[in-house]
Amino acid sequence: MARRSEEDIRVEIDQADAVLRIFEEYQRRRYPADFPEHDPNMRLPDKEQWISGLRSQGATWSQILSGYEMAINDHLAAFSMSGPDVAAYSEGLRRFFRERAGEDLFSVVKPPMRKLKAIAKRGRIKDEVDYYLVKECAQSLSGDPRFADLAETLMTCLAEFELAVSETGDGG
């Protein structure tokens, strides 16, 4: 894989930030009581200030992008869960995203099931982004008979990754 330039990664960060802001707006509209307007801690931070703070602490551009990817995966985990409330949330988020962005959510980000199946096929979790997605989704999948095998494979990958982290401190 070719190494991406700082500019390429920055474009991805900008796109990820835009996605997260749409997600935040959807949550604010769906659950207004959970997001008081007067509480600045309940809003995404200013992107440039946040990035500047992370860079001043030594974070690389790739690490910052990984943080965005993990945040997006937190929201996308709902698409791998079952139940009427989760389905309604997911369908609403997808509709809202299309209204705001003018394109389908999954044309902008990979669907979580596609990512989860790729991780299972590979047989290992390669980084923290994968780890948190699997951690968020595997348990929910295990409750659905259609995905029992996938969930079992993902739980094995999760255990192996956690063991590697505990032994080496770096995930392998």
N, C-alpha and C. Protein backbone atom coordinates (compact mmCIF):
# COMPACT_ATOMS: atom_id res chain seq x y z
N MET A 1 0.84 -1.18 0.00
CA MET A 1 0.00 0.00 0.00
C MET A 1 0.89 1.24 0.00
N ALA A 2 0.55 2.18 -0.84
CA ALA A 2 1.33 3.41 -0.93
C ALA A 2 1.11 4.27 0.31
N ARG A 3 2.15 4.91 0.72
CA ARG A 3 2.08 5.80 1.87
C ARG A 3 1.28 7.04 1.47
N ARG A 4 0.34 7.41 2.34
CA ARG A 4 -0.48 8.59 2.07
C ARG A 4 0.24 9.84 2.56
N SER A 5 0.05 10.91 1.84
CA SER A 5 0.66 12.17 2.23
C SER A 5 -0.14 12.80 3.37
N GLU A 6 0.47 13.76 4.02
CA GLU A 6 -0.22 14.51 5.08
C GLU A 6 -1.48 15.16 4.52
N GLU A 7 -1.39 15.67 3.31
CA GLU A 7 -2.54 16.32 2.68
C GLU A 7 -3.67 15.32 2.44
N ASP A 8 -3.32 14.11 1.99
CA ASP A 8 -4.34 13.07 1.77
C ASP A 8 -5.04 12.71 3.09
N ILE A 9 -4.25 12.55 4.13
CA ILE A 9 -4.83 12.19 5.43
C ILE A 9 -5.69 13.34 5.94
N ARG A 10 -5.23 14.55 5.72
CA ARG A 10 -6.00 15.72 6.16
C ARG A 10 -7.37 15.78 5.46
N VAL A 11 -7.41 15.43 4.19
CA VAL A 11 -8.68 15.38 3.46
C VAL A 11 -9.59 14.33 4.11
N GLU A 12 -9.05 13.18 4.46
CA GLU A 12 -9.84 12.14 5.11
C GLU A 12 -10.35 12.60 6.47
N ILE A 13 -9.51 13.32 7.21
CA ILE A 13 -9.92 13.86 8.51
C ILE A 13 -11.08 14.84 8.31
N ASP A 14 -10.96 15.72 7.34
CA ASP A 14 -12.03 16.69 7.08
C ASP A 14 -13.34 15.98 6.73
N GLN A 15 -13.25 14.93 5.91
CA GLN A 15 -14.45 14.17 5.55
C GLN A 15 -15.04 13.48 6.78
N ALA A 16 -14.18 12.88 7.59
CA ALA A 16 -14.65 12.19 8.79
C ALA A 16 -15.30 13.17 9.76
N ASP A 17 -14.72 14.35 9.90
CA ASP A 17 -15.29 15.36 10.78
C ASP A 17 -16.69 15.76 10.29
N ALA A 18 -16.84 15.92 8.98
CA ALA A 18 -18.15 16.28 8.42
C ALA A 18 -19.18 15.18 8.71
N VAL A 19 -18.77 13.92 8.58
CA VAL A 19 -19.67 12.79 8.88
C VAL A 19 -20.09 12.84 10.35
N LEU A 20 -19.12 13.03 11.23
CA LEU A 20 -19.44 13.06 12.67
C LEU A 20 -20.36 14.22 13.02
N ARG A 21 -20.21 15.33 12.36
CA ARG A 21 -21.08 16.48 12.65
C ARG A 21 -22.53 16.20 12.21
N ILE A 22 -22.69 15.47 11.12
CA ILE A 22 -24.04 15.06 10.71
C ILE A 22 -24.60 14.08 11.74
N PHE A 23 -23.79 13.13 12.19
CA PHE A 23 -24.23 12.19 13.22
C PHE A 23 -24.66 12.93 14.48
N GLU A 24 -23.86 13.92 14.88
CA GLU A 24 -24.18 14.69 16.08
C GLU A 24 -25.51 15.43 15.90
N GLU A 25 -25.70 16.03 14.75
CA GLU A 25 -26.95 16.76 14.50
C GLU A 25 -28.15 15.81 14.57
N TYR A 26 -27.99 14.63 14.02
CA TYR A 26 -29.07 13.64 14.07
C TYR A 26 -29.39 13.26 15.51
N GLN A 27 -28.36 13.00 16.29
CA GLN A 27 -28.59 12.63 17.69
C GLN A 27 -29.25 13.77 18.46
N ARG A 28 -28.84 14.98 18.21
CA ARG A 28 -29.44 16.14 18.90
C ARG A 28 -30.93 16.25 18.58
N ARG A 29 -31.27 15.99 17.34
CA ARG A 29 -32.68 16.07 16.95
C ARG A 29 -33.48 14.88 17.49
N ARG A 30 -32.88 13.72 17.49
CA ARG A 30 -33.59 12.51 17.94
C ARG A 30 -33.72 12.46 19.46
N TYR A 31 -32.69 12.92 20.16
CA TYR A 31 -32.66 12.87 21.63
C TYR A 31 -32.35 14.24 22.22
N PRO A 32 -33.22 15.22 22.03
CA PRO A 32 -32.89 16.59 22.47
C PRO A 32 -32.63 16.71 23.97
N ALA A 33 -33.27 15.92 24.79
CA ALA A 33 -33.06 16.01 26.23
C ALA A 33 -31.66 15.56 26.63
N ASP A 34 -31.04 14.72 25.81
CA ASP A 34 -29.69 14.21 26.12
C ASP A 34 -28.58 15.17 25.70
N PHE A 35 -28.93 16.20 24.94
CA PHE A 35 -27.92 17.12 24.41
C PHE A 35 -28.32 18.56 24.67
N PRO A 36 -28.20 19.01 25.92
CA PRO A 36 -28.58 20.40 26.21
C PRO A 36 -27.72 21.39 25.41
N GLU A 37 -28.36 22.34 24.81
CA GLU A 37 -27.68 23.32 23.96
C GLU A 37 -26.64 24.15 24.73
N HIS A 38 -26.89 24.39 26.00
CA HIS A 38 -26.00 25.26 26.77
C HIS A 38 -24.74 24.56 27.26
N ASP A 39 -24.64 23.24 27.09
CA ASP A 39 -23.49 22.49 27.61
C ASP A 39 -22.47 22.26 26.49
N PRO A 40 -21.35 22.99 26.52
CA PRO A 40 -20.36 22.84 25.45
C PRO A 40 -19.68 21.46 25.45
N ASN A 41 -19.74 20.76 26.58
CA ASN A 41 -19.16 19.42 26.64
C ASN A 41 -19.98 18.39 25.87
N MET A 42 -21.18 18.77 25.47
CA MET A 42 -22.06 17.87 24.73
C MET A 42 -21.99 18.15 23.23
N ARG A 43 -20.95 18.81 22.80
CA ARG A 43 -20.77 19.12 21.37
C ARG A 43 -19.40 18.62 20.94
N LEU A 44 -19.29 18.34 19.66
CA LEU A 44 -17.97 18.03 19.13
C LEU A 44 -17.08 19.26 19.28
N PRO A 45 -15.82 19.05 19.59
CA PRO A 45 -14.92 20.21 19.72
C PRO A 45 -14.65 20.84 18.36
N ASP A 46 -14.22 22.08 18.38
CA ASP A 46 -13.79 22.74 17.15
C ASP A 46 -12.67 21.91 16.54
N LYS A 47 -12.84 21.52 15.30
CA LYS A 47 -11.90 20.60 14.65
C LYS A 47 -10.47 21.13 14.67
N GLU A 48 -10.27 22.36 14.28
CA GLU A 48 -8.90 22.88 14.17
C GLU A 48 -8.23 23.01 15.53
N GLN A 49 -8.97 23.45 16.53
CA GLN A 49 -8.40 23.55 17.88
C GLN A 49 -8.06 22.16 18.41
N TRP A 50 -8.96 21.22 18.18
CA TRP A 50 -8.75 19.86 18.67
C TRP A 50 -7.51 19.24 18.01
N ILE A 51 -7.41 19.39 16.68
CA ILE A 51 -6.26 18.84 15.96
C ILE A 51 -4.98 19.52 16.42
N SER A 52 -5.02 20.82 16.58
CA SER A 52 -3.84 21.56 17.04
C SER A 52 -3.39 21.06 18.41
N GLY A 53 -4.34 20.84 19.31
CA GLY A 53 -4.00 20.33 20.63
C GLY A 53 -3.38 18.95 20.57
N LEU A 54 -3.94 18.09 19.74
CA LEU A 54 -3.39 16.73 19.60
C LEU A 54 -2.00 16.77 18.98
N ARG A 55 -1.83 17.60 17.95
CA ARG A 55 -0.51 17.70 17.31
C ARG A 55 0.54 18.23 18.28
N SER A 56 0.14 19.19 19.13
CA SER A 56 1.10 19.74 20.10
C SER A 56 1.50 18.71 21.14
N GLN A 57 0.67 17.67 21.31
CA GLN A 57 0.99 16.59 22.24
C GLN A 57 1.71 15.43 21.54
N GLY A 58 2.04 15.62 20.27
CA GLY A 58 2.81 14.62 19.54
C GLY A 58 2.02 13.64 18.71
N ALA A 59 0.72 13.82 18.60
CA ALA A 59 -0.09 12.90 17.78
C ALA A 59 0.25 13.06 16.31
N THR A 60 0.32 11.94 15.62
CA THR A 60 0.55 11.97 14.18
C THR A 60 -0.78 12.17 13.46
N TRP A 61 -0.69 12.51 12.18
CA TRP A 61 -1.90 12.68 11.38
C TRP A 61 -2.66 11.36 11.31
N SER A 62 -1.94 10.26 11.17
CA SER A 62 -2.60 8.94 11.12
C SER A 62 -3.31 8.61 12.42
N GLN A 63 -2.72 8.97 13.55
CA GLN A 63 -3.37 8.73 14.84
C GLN A 63 -4.65 9.55 14.98
N ILE A 64 -4.61 10.77 14.51
CA ILE A 64 -5.80 11.62 14.57
C ILE A 64 -6.90 11.03 13.68
N LEU A 65 -6.54 10.59 12.49
CA LEU A 65 -7.52 9.97 11.60
C LEU A 65 -8.09 8.70 12.24
N SER A 66 -7.25 7.91 12.88
CA SER A 66 -7.73 6.70 13.56
C SER A 66 -8.76 7.05 14.63
N GLY A 67 -8.55 8.13 15.34
CA GLY A 67 -9.52 8.57 16.34
C GLY A 67 -10.86 8.89 15.72
N TYR A 68 -10.82 9.57 14.57
CA TYR A 68 -12.06 9.86 13.85
C TYR A 68 -12.74 8.56 13.39
N GLU A 69 -11.95 7.63 12.88
CA GLU A 69 -12.51 6.37 12.41
C GLU A 69 -13.18 5.61 13.55
N MET A 70 -12.56 5.62 14.72
CA MET A 70 -13.16 4.95 15.88
C MET A 70 -14.48 5.61 16.27
N ALA A 71 -14.51 6.93 16.23
CA ALA A 71 -15.75 7.65 16.57
C ALA A 71 -16.85 7.32 15.57
N ILE A 72 -16.52 7.26 14.31
CA ILE A 72 -17.51 6.90 13.29
C ILE A 72 -18.00 5.48 13.53
N ASN A 73 -17.08 4.57 13.81
CA ASN A 73 -17.46 3.17 14.07
C ASN A 73 -18.39 3.05 15.26
N ASP A 74 -18.22 3.90 16.27
CA ASP A 74 -19.13 3.87 17.42
C ASP A 74 -20.57 4.08 16.96
N HIS A 75 -20.75 5.00 16.04
CA HIS A 75 -22.10 5.27 15.52
C HIS A 75 -22.58 4.16 14.59
N LEU A 76 -21.66 3.65 13.77
CA LEU A 76 -22.04 2.63 12.80
C LEU A 76 -22.35 1.28 13.45
N ALA A 77 -21.91 1.09 14.67
CA ALA A 77 -22.17 -0.18 15.36
C ALA A 77 -23.66 -0.48 15.41
N ALA A 78 -24.49 0.54 15.44
CA ALA A 78 -25.94 0.33 15.48
C ALA A 78 -26.42 -0.46 14.26
N PHE A 79 -25.71 -0.36 13.15
CA PHE A 79 -26.12 -1.06 11.94
C PHE A 79 -25.84 -2.55 12.00
N SER A 80 -25.09 -3.00 12.98
CA SER A 80 -24.82 -4.43 13.13
C SER A 80 -25.65 -5.03 14.26
N MET A 81 -26.49 -4.23 14.87
CA MET A 81 -27.31 -4.70 15.99
C MET A 81 -28.73 -4.96 15.51
N SER A 82 -29.45 -5.73 16.30
CA SER A 82 -30.85 -6.00 15.95
C SER A 82 -31.76 -5.44 17.03
N GLY A 83 -33.01 -5.39 16.71
CA GLY A 83 -34.01 -4.85 17.62
C GLY A 83 -34.70 -3.66 16.99
N PRO A 84 -35.98 -3.48 17.30
CA PRO A 84 -36.75 -2.42 16.64
C PRO A 84 -36.23 -1.01 16.94
N ASP A 85 -35.80 -0.75 18.16
CA ASP A 85 -35.30 0.59 18.49
C ASP A 85 -34.02 0.91 17.73
N VAL A 86 -33.12 -0.07 17.67
CA VAL A 86 -31.85 0.12 16.97
C VAL A 86 -32.10 0.26 15.47
N ALA A 87 -33.01 -0.56 14.95
CA ALA A 87 -33.33 -0.48 13.52
C ALA A 87 -33.91 0.89 13.17
N ALA A 88 -34.79 1.40 14.02
CA ALA A 88 -35.38 2.72 13.76
C ALA A 88 -34.31 3.81 13.81
N TYR A 89 -33.40 3.70 14.78
CA TYR A 89 -32.31 4.67 14.89
C TYR A 89 -31.45 4.62 13.62
N SER A 90 -31.06 3.41 13.22
CA SER A 90 -30.18 3.24 12.06
C SER A 90 -30.83 3.76 10.78
N GLU A 91 -32.08 3.38 10.57
CA GLU A 91 -32.79 3.84 9.37
C GLU A 91 -32.93 5.36 9.36
N GLY A 92 -33.23 5.92 10.52
CA GLY A 92 -33.35 7.37 10.63
C GLY A 92 -32.03 8.07 10.36
N LEU A 93 -30.94 7.52 10.90
CA LEU A 93 -29.62 8.11 10.67
C LEU A 93 -29.27 8.07 9.19
N ARG A 94 -29.55 6.97 8.56
CA ARG A 94 -29.23 6.84 7.13
C ARG A 94 -30.04 7.83 6.30
N ARG A 95 -31.33 7.98 6.60
CA ARG A 95 -32.17 8.96 5.89
C ARG A 95 -31.66 10.38 6.14
N PHE A 96 -31.37 10.69 7.41
CA PHE A 96 -30.90 12.02 7.77
C PHE A 96 -29.58 12.34 7.06
N PHE A 97 -28.69 11.35 7.01
CA PHE A 97 -27.41 11.56 6.34
C PHE A 97 -27.63 11.89 4.87
N ARG A 98 -28.52 11.15 4.22
CA ARG A 98 -28.80 11.41 2.80
C ARG A 98 -29.34 12.83 2.62
N GLU A 99 -30.23 13.26 3.51
CA GLU A 99 -30.79 14.62 3.43
C GLU A 99 -29.69 15.67 3.56
N ARG A 100 -28.78 15.46 4.51
CA ARG A 100 -27.74 16.46 4.78
C ARG A 100 -26.58 16.42 3.79
N ALA A 101 -26.15 15.21 3.42
CA ALA A 101 -24.96 15.08 2.59
C ALA A 101 -25.28 14.92 1.11
N GLY A 102 -26.52 14.56 0.80
CA GLY A 102 -26.88 14.36 -0.59
C GLY A 102 -26.42 13.04 -1.18
N GLU A 103 -25.95 12.16 -0.33
CA GLU A 103 -25.54 10.83 -0.78
C GLU A 103 -25.75 9.83 0.34
N ASP A 104 -25.74 8.56 -0.04
CA ASP A 104 -25.97 7.51 0.94
C ASP A 104 -24.79 7.41 1.90
N LEU A 105 -25.09 7.19 3.14
CA LEU A 105 -24.06 7.05 4.18
C LEU A 105 -23.01 6.03 3.77
N PHE A 106 -23.45 4.89 3.24
CA PHE A 106 -22.52 3.81 2.94
C PHE A 106 -21.80 3.99 1.61
N SER A 107 -22.03 5.11 0.95
CA SER A 107 -21.17 5.46 -0.17
C SER A 107 -20.00 6.31 0.33
N VAL A 108 -20.12 6.79 1.57
CA VAL A 108 -19.09 7.63 2.17
C VAL A 108 -18.22 6.83 3.15
N VAL A 109 -18.85 5.95 3.92
CA VAL A 109 -18.14 5.09 4.88
C VAL A 109 -18.53 3.64 4.61
N LYS A 110 -17.63 2.73 4.93
CA LYS A 110 -17.92 1.31 4.74
C LYS A 110 -18.94 0.85 5.77
N PRO A 111 -19.90 0.04 5.32
CA PRO A 111 -20.86 -0.52 6.28
C PRO A 111 -20.12 -1.39 7.30
N PRO A 112 -20.56 -1.37 8.54
CA PRO A 112 -19.84 -2.12 9.57
C PRO A 112 -19.82 -3.62 9.31
N MET A 113 -20.87 -4.18 8.76
CA MET A 113 -20.85 -5.62 8.51
C MET A 113 -19.79 -5.98 7.48
N ARG A 114 -19.58 -5.14 6.53
CA ARG A 114 -18.52 -5.39 5.54
C ARG A 114 -17.16 -5.40 6.22
N LYS A 115 -16.95 -4.44 7.11
CA LYS A 115 -15.69 -4.37 7.85
C LYS A 115 -15.53 -5.59 8.75
N LEU A 116 -16.60 -5.95 9.44
CA LEU A 116 -16.53 -7.08 10.37
C LEU A 116 -16.25 -8.38 9.63
N LYS A 117 -16.88 -8.57 8.49
CA LYS A 117 -16.64 -9.78 7.70
C LYS A 117 -15.21 -9.82 7.18
N ALA A 118 -14.66 -8.67 6.82
CA ALA A 118 -13.27 -8.61 6.35
C ALA A 118 -12.31 -8.97 7.49
N ILE A 119 -12.59 -8.48 8.67
CA ILE A 119 -11.75 -8.81 9.84
C ILE A 119 -11.82 -10.30 10.12
N ALA A 120 -13.02 -10.87 10.08
CA ALA A 120 -13.18 -12.30 10.33
C ALA A 120 -12.45 -13.13 9.27
N LYS A 121 -12.56 -12.71 8.03
CA LYS A 121 -11.89 -13.43 6.94
C LYS A 121 -10.37 -13.37 7.12
N ARG A 122 -9.87 -12.22 7.51
CA ARG A 122 -8.44 -12.04 7.75
C ARG A 122 -8.00 -12.86 8.96
N GLY A 123 -8.92 -13.02 9.91
CA GLY A 123 -8.63 -13.84 11.10
C GLY A 123 -7.89 -13.12 12.20
N ARG A 124 -7.81 -11.82 12.08
CA ARG A 124 -7.14 -11.06 13.14
C ARG A 124 -7.53 -9.60 13.08
N ILE A 125 -7.41 -8.96 14.23
CA ILE A 125 -7.63 -7.53 14.36
C ILE A 125 -6.28 -6.87 14.16
N LYS A 126 -6.21 -5.93 13.23
CA LYS A 126 -4.91 -5.34 12.90
C LYS A 126 -4.56 -4.07 13.68
N ASP A 127 -5.58 -3.36 14.20
CA ASP A 127 -5.28 -2.11 14.88
C ASP A 127 -6.42 -1.74 15.83
N GLU A 128 -6.25 -0.62 16.50
CA GLU A 128 -7.26 -0.17 17.47
C GLU A 128 -8.61 0.15 16.81
N VAL A 129 -8.58 0.63 15.59
CA VAL A 129 -9.83 0.94 14.89
C VAL A 129 -10.65 -0.33 14.74
N ASP A 130 -10.00 -1.39 14.24
CA ASP A 130 -10.67 -2.70 14.14
C ASP A 130 -11.12 -3.18 15.51
N TYR A 131 -10.23 -3.06 16.48
CA TYR A 131 -10.51 -3.57 17.82
C TYR A 131 -11.80 -2.98 18.40
N TYR A 132 -11.92 -1.67 18.36
CA TYR A 132 -13.09 -1.05 18.97
C TYR A 132 -14.38 -1.35 18.19
N LEU A 133 -14.26 -1.51 16.87
CA LEU A 133 -15.44 -1.89 16.09
C LEU A 133 -15.88 -3.30 16.49
N VAL A 134 -14.94 -4.23 16.55
CA VAL A 134 -15.28 -5.60 16.93
C VAL A 134 -15.80 -5.65 18.35
N LYS A 135 -15.15 -4.93 19.24
CA LYS A 135 -15.59 -4.93 20.64
C LYS A 135 -17.03 -4.41 20.76
N GLU A 136 -17.35 -3.40 19.98
CA GLU A 136 -18.69 -2.81 20.02
C GLU A 136 -19.75 -3.72 19.42
N CYS A 137 -19.38 -4.49 18.41
CA CYS A 137 -20.39 -5.22 17.62
C CYS A 137 -20.48 -6.72 17.91
N ALA A 138 -19.41 -7.37 18.27
CA ALA A 138 -19.39 -8.84 18.34
C ALA A 138 -20.43 -9.39 19.30
N GLN A 139 -20.56 -8.79 20.45
CA GLN A 139 -21.53 -9.29 21.43
C GLN A 139 -22.95 -9.20 20.90
N SER A 140 -23.28 -8.10 20.26
CA SER A 140 -24.62 -7.95 19.69
C SER A 140 -24.88 -8.98 18.60
N LEU A 141 -23.88 -9.23 17.79
CA LEU A 141 -24.03 -10.22 16.72
C LEU A 141 -24.26 -11.61 17.26
N SER A 142 -23.65 -11.91 18.40
CA SER A 142 -23.75 -13.26 18.96
C SER A 142 -25.18 -13.62 19.34
N GLY A 143 -26.02 -12.63 19.57
CA GLY A 143 -27.40 -12.87 19.91
C GLY A 143 -28.30 -13.12 18.71
N ASP A 144 -27.74 -13.03 17.50
CA ASP A 144 -28.51 -13.22 16.28
C ASP A 144 -28.05 -14.51 15.61
N PRO A 145 -28.92 -15.53 15.53
CA PRO A 145 -28.51 -16.82 14.96
C PRO A 145 -27.93 -16.72 13.55
N ARG A 146 -28.33 -15.71 12.79
CA ARG A 146 -27.80 -15.55 11.43
C ARG A 146 -26.31 -15.23 11.43
N PHE A 147 -25.82 -14.66 12.54
CA PHE A 147 -24.43 -14.22 12.60
C PHE A 147 -23.62 -14.93 13.68
N ALA A 148 -24.09 -16.07 14.13
CA ALA A 148 -23.42 -16.78 15.22
C ALA A 148 -21.98 -17.14 14.86
N ASP A 149 -21.76 -17.65 13.65
CA ASP A 149 -20.40 -18.03 13.25
C ASP A 149 -19.50 -16.81 13.14
N LEU A 150 -20.02 -15.75 12.55
CA LEU A 150 -19.25 -14.51 12.44
C LEU A 150 -18.91 -13.99 13.83
N ALA A 151 -19.88 -13.98 14.72
CA ALA A 151 -19.65 -13.49 16.09
C ALA A 151 -18.59 -14.32 16.79
N GLU A 152 -18.64 -15.62 16.62
CA GLU A 152 -17.66 -16.49 17.27
C GLU A 152 -16.25 -16.20 16.76
N THR A 153 -16.12 -16.05 15.45
CA THR A 153 -14.81 -15.72 14.88
C THR A 153 -14.32 -14.37 15.38
N LEU A 154 -15.21 -13.40 15.43
CA LEU A 154 -14.82 -12.07 15.91
C LEU A 154 -14.43 -12.09 17.38
N MET A 155 -15.15 -12.87 18.18
CA MET A 155 -14.81 -12.97 19.61
C MET A 155 -13.43 -13.60 19.78
N THR A 156 -13.09 -14.56 18.93
CA THR A 156 -11.75 -15.17 18.97
C THR A 156 -10.70 -14.13 18.60
N CYS A 157 -10.97 -13.38 17.54
CA CYS A 157 -10.04 -12.31 17.13
C CYS A 157 -9.86 -11.30 18.25
N LEU A 158 -10.95 -10.96 18.90
CA LEU A 158 -10.91 -10.00 20.01
C LEU A 158 -10.04 -10.52 21.14
N ALA A 159 -10.25 -11.77 21.53
CA ALA A 159 -9.47 -12.36 22.62
C ALA A 159 -7.99 -12.41 22.26
N GLU A 160 -7.68 -12.80 21.04
CA GLU A 160 -6.28 -12.87 20.61
C GLU A 160 -5.62 -11.50 20.60
N PHE A 161 -6.36 -10.49 20.15
CA PHE A 161 -5.81 -9.14 20.13
C PHE A 161 -5.56 -8.65 21.55
N GLU A 162 -6.54 -8.86 22.43
CA GLU A 162 -6.38 -8.43 23.83
C GLU A 162 -5.22 -9.15 24.50
N LEU A 163 -5.03 -10.42 24.21
CA LEU A 163 -3.90 -11.17 24.75
C LEU A 163 -2.59 -10.60 24.25
N ALA A 164 -2.51 -10.32 22.95
CA ALA A 164 -1.30 -9.74 22.37
C ALA A 164 -0.98 -8.40 22.99
N VAL A 165 -2.01 -7.58 23.23
CA VAL A 165 -1.79 -6.27 23.84
C VAL A 165 -1.28 -6.44 25.26
N SER A 166 -1.84 -7.38 25.99
CA SER A 166 -1.42 -7.57 27.39
C SER A 166 0.01 -8.10 27.45
N GLU A 167 0.43 -8.88 26.45
CA GLU A 167 1.79 -9.43 26.44
C GLU A 167 2.82 -8.45 25.94
N THR A 168 2.46 -7.67 24.92
CA THR A 168 3.44 -6.78 24.30
C THR A 168 3.18 -5.31 24.56
N GLY A 169 1.96 -4.99 24.89
CA GLY A 169 1.61 -3.59 25.11
C GLY A 169 1.32 -2.84 23.83
N ASP A 170 1.37 -3.54 22.66
CA ASP A 170 1.15 -2.81 21.41
C ASP A 170 0.23 -3.52 20.42
N GLY A 171 -0.42 -4.55 20.84
CA GLY A 171 -1.35 -5.24 19.94
C GLY A 171 -0.70 -6.23 19.01
N GLY A 172 0.53 -6.58 19.27
CA GLY A 172 1.13 -7.64 18.46
C GLY A 172 2.38 -7.22 17.85
